[in-house]
Amino acid sequence: MTDETATRADGISGGLAGIRDAVSVRLPAASAYLSVLRTATAGLAARLDFTLDEIEDLRIAVDEACAMLLGHAVPGTDLIAEFELTGQEMIVRVEVSTVGQAEPKRDDFAWMVLTALADSVDAETDTPDRMAIVLHKRRGAARPL
C-alpha cells in the first residue's frame, strides 16, 4: 500500500478540506482477499470523517464492484484498487485484467446496488484486456429517495 503525502489546497486553512491523498492496493484477484480491501476502504473513509452509514455504504459498494469484476478476471492476475481522498470525497477505482467482455453489465441487480450506494458509478474499459469500475462517494451527500 502506498500513501502520497497530504497537500493543502491554496487558500484553505485547517480542517480536512485540503487533504488529497492517493492510496493504491494490489492483491490477488480472488474473493478471499476482498476483506482486506473492505477494511482499507473503511479506514480511508473514516479518515475523511464519513459517517458510519456512509462508511458501510462505501464498503458494500467496493465489495460489490469487486465481485462484478472478479467474475471476468483472468485467473492468477491482480485486482488493483486506487483510492483518491480529496477533502470530502473519496474516489475508488477497482480494476482487473480480463479476456473478452468489454464492460460490466449496467442492467443487472449488482449495478443497481452500486448506483444506490455511491454518488456516481462508471465503468471504464480503456483497453480490451482491462476492466474497471469507478465509484465516487461524497461525505454528507444526500441521496435521492
Protein backbone atom coordinates (compact mmCIF):
# COMPACT_ATOMS: atom_id res chain seq x y z
CA MET A 1 0.00 0.00 0.00
CA THR A 2 1.38 3.44 -0.86
CA ASP A 3 0.31 6.77 0.52
CA GLU A 4 1.19 10.09 -1.07
CA THR A 5 1.71 12.92 1.36
CA ALA A 6 -1.21 15.17 2.16
CA THR A 7 -1.18 18.54 0.47
CA ARG A 8 -3.14 21.62 1.41
CA ALA A 9 -5.09 23.37 -1.31
CA ASP A 10 -4.27 27.05 -1.83
CA GLY A 11 -6.37 29.36 0.32
CA ILE A 12 -7.76 26.63 2.58
CA SER A 13 -6.74 26.73 6.20
CA GLY A 14 -7.13 23.82 8.60
CA GLY A 15 -9.76 21.09 8.55
CA LEU A 16 -9.99 18.28 6.02
CA ALA A 17 -10.90 20.45 3.03
CA GLY A 18 -7.36 20.41 1.63
CA ILE A 19 -6.45 16.76 2.17
CA ARG A 20 -5.53 14.97 -1.03
CA ASP A 21 -4.15 11.50 -0.58
CA ALA A 22 -3.75 8.71 -3.10
CA VAL A 23 -3.59 5.11 -1.94
CA SER A 24 -3.13 2.04 -4.13
CA VAL A 25 -3.74 -1.55 -3.11
CA ARG A 26 -2.78 -4.55 -5.27
CA LEU A 27 -3.98 -8.00 -4.28
CA PRO A 28 -4.73 -11.30 -5.96
CA ALA A 29 -7.94 -11.24 -8.00
CA ALA A 30 -9.69 -13.71 -5.70
CA SER A 31 -12.66 -13.21 -3.39
CA ALA A 32 -10.67 -14.47 -0.40
CA TYR A 33 -8.76 -11.16 -0.35
CA LEU A 34 -11.75 -8.80 -0.52
CA SER A 35 -11.90 -8.49 3.27
CA VAL A 36 -8.53 -6.68 3.11
CA LEU A 37 -9.97 -4.21 0.62
CA ARG A 38 -13.15 -3.68 2.66
CA THR A 39 -11.02 -2.89 5.72
CA ALA A 40 -8.84 -0.45 3.77
CA THR A 41 -11.96 1.23 2.36
CA ALA A 42 -13.46 1.70 5.83
CA GLY A 43 -10.22 3.06 7.27
CA LEU A 44 -9.77 5.59 4.49
CA ALA A 45 -13.41 6.71 4.66
CA ALA A 46 -13.07 7.18 8.42
CA ARG A 47 -10.03 9.37 7.76
CA LEU A 48 -12.37 11.72 5.87
CA ASP A 49 -14.89 11.68 8.74
CA PHE A 50 -17.56 9.82 6.79
CA THR A 51 -20.49 8.76 8.95
CA LEU A 52 -20.82 5.09 9.93
CA ASP A 53 -23.64 4.69 7.39
CA GLU A 54 -21.55 6.27 4.63
CA ILE A 55 -18.60 4.03 5.51
CA GLU A 56 -20.77 0.93 5.39
CA ASP A 57 -22.33 2.01 2.07
CA LEU A 58 -18.87 2.51 0.61
CA ARG A 59 -17.60 -0.85 1.94
CA ILE A 60 -20.57 -2.63 0.36
CA ALA A 61 -20.20 -0.71 -2.92
CA VAL A 62 -16.48 -1.54 -3.21
CA ASP A 63 -17.20 -5.19 -2.37
CA GLU A 64 -19.97 -5.33 -4.99
CA ALA A 65 -17.80 -3.65 -7.65
CA CYS A 66 -15.01 -6.14 -6.97
CA ALA A 67 -17.43 -9.07 -7.12
CA MET A 68 -18.62 -7.87 -10.52
CA LEU A 69 -15.06 -7.59 -11.80
CA LEU A 70 -13.77 -10.86 -10.34
CA GLY A 71 -16.24 -12.78 -12.48
CA HIS A 72 -14.34 -11.51 -15.53
CA ALA A 73 -10.78 -11.51 -14.14
CA VAL A 74 -8.07 -13.65 -15.66
CA PRO A 75 -7.10 -16.31 -13.08
CA GLY A 76 -3.79 -15.64 -11.37
CA THR A 77 -3.82 -11.90 -12.01
CA ASP A 78 -4.19 -8.98 -9.59
CA LEU A 79 -7.03 -6.70 -8.62
CA ILE A 80 -5.85 -3.10 -8.31
CA ALA A 81 -7.74 -0.62 -6.15
CA GLU A 82 -6.87 3.06 -6.24
CA PHE A 83 -8.32 5.43 -3.67
CA GLU A 84 -8.22 9.20 -4.06
CA LEU A 85 -9.20 11.20 -1.00
CA THR A 86 -9.96 14.86 -1.60
CA GLY A 87 -11.38 16.68 1.40
CA GLN A 88 -14.96 15.46 1.49
CA GLU A 89 -14.90 12.96 -1.36
CA MET A 90 -13.42 9.55 -1.99
CA ILE A 91 -12.96 8.20 -5.50
CA VAL A 92 -12.37 4.46 -5.72
CA ARG A 93 -11.23 2.77 -8.92
CA VAL A 94 -11.03 -1.04 -8.97
CA GLU A 95 -9.54 -2.78 -11.98
CA VAL A 96 -8.78 -6.29 -13.23
CA SER A 97 -7.26 -7.94 -16.30
CA THR A 98 -9.92 -9.55 -18.48
CA VAL A 99 -10.35 -11.54 -21.63
CA GLY A 100 -13.35 -10.93 -23.82
CA GLN A 101 -16.04 -8.81 -22.17
CA ALA A 102 -15.57 -5.11 -22.74
CA GLU A 103 -17.70 -3.65 -19.94
CA PRO A 104 -19.68 -4.67 -16.84
CA LYS A 105 -23.41 -5.11 -17.31
CA ARG A 106 -25.26 -1.93 -16.33
CA ASP A 107 -28.69 -3.50 -16.37
CA ASP A 108 -28.32 -6.10 -13.63
CA PHE A 109 -29.04 -6.01 -9.91
CA ALA A 110 -25.39 -5.55 -8.89
CA TRP A 111 -25.15 -2.33 -10.92
CA MET A 112 -28.36 -1.05 -9.29
CA VAL A 113 -26.81 -1.74 -5.87
CA LEU A 114 -23.71 0.24 -6.85
CA THR A 115 -25.70 3.22 -8.06
CA ALA A 116 -27.79 3.19 -4.88
CA LEU A 117 -24.76 3.15 -2.55
CA ALA A 118 -22.36 5.53 -4.33
CA ASP A 119 -22.96 9.09 -5.50
CA SER A 120 -21.80 8.17 -9.00
CA VAL A 121 -20.61 4.99 -10.70
CA ASP A 122 -18.92 4.48 -14.03
CA ALA A 123 -17.26 1.65 -15.92
CA GLU A 124 -14.01 2.12 -17.79
CA THR A 125 -12.56 -0.09 -20.49
CA ASP A 126 -9.52 1.77 -21.79
CA THR A 127 -8.15 -1.38 -23.40
CA PRO A 128 -9.83 -4.65 -24.38
CA ASP A 129 -7.91 -6.57 -21.70
CA ARG A 130 -8.71 -4.30 -18.69
CA MET A 131 -11.99 -3.56 -16.93
CA ALA A 132 -12.52 -1.01 -14.17
CA ILE A 133 -15.35 0.39 -12.07
CA VAL A 134 -15.06 3.89 -10.59
CA LEU A 135 -17.09 4.94 -7.55
CA HIS A 136 -17.47 8.47 -6.17
CA LYS A 137 -18.70 8.96 -2.61
CA ARG A 138 -19.02 12.39 -1.02
CA ARG A 139 -19.30 12.92 2.73
CA GLY A 140 -22.73 14.22 3.69
CA ALA A 141 -24.16 13.95 0.16
CA ALA A 142 -27.91 13.41 0.16
CA ARG A 143 -29.07 10.51 -1.99
CA PRO A 144 -32.34 10.74 -3.90
CA LEU A 145 -35.19 8.82 -2.31
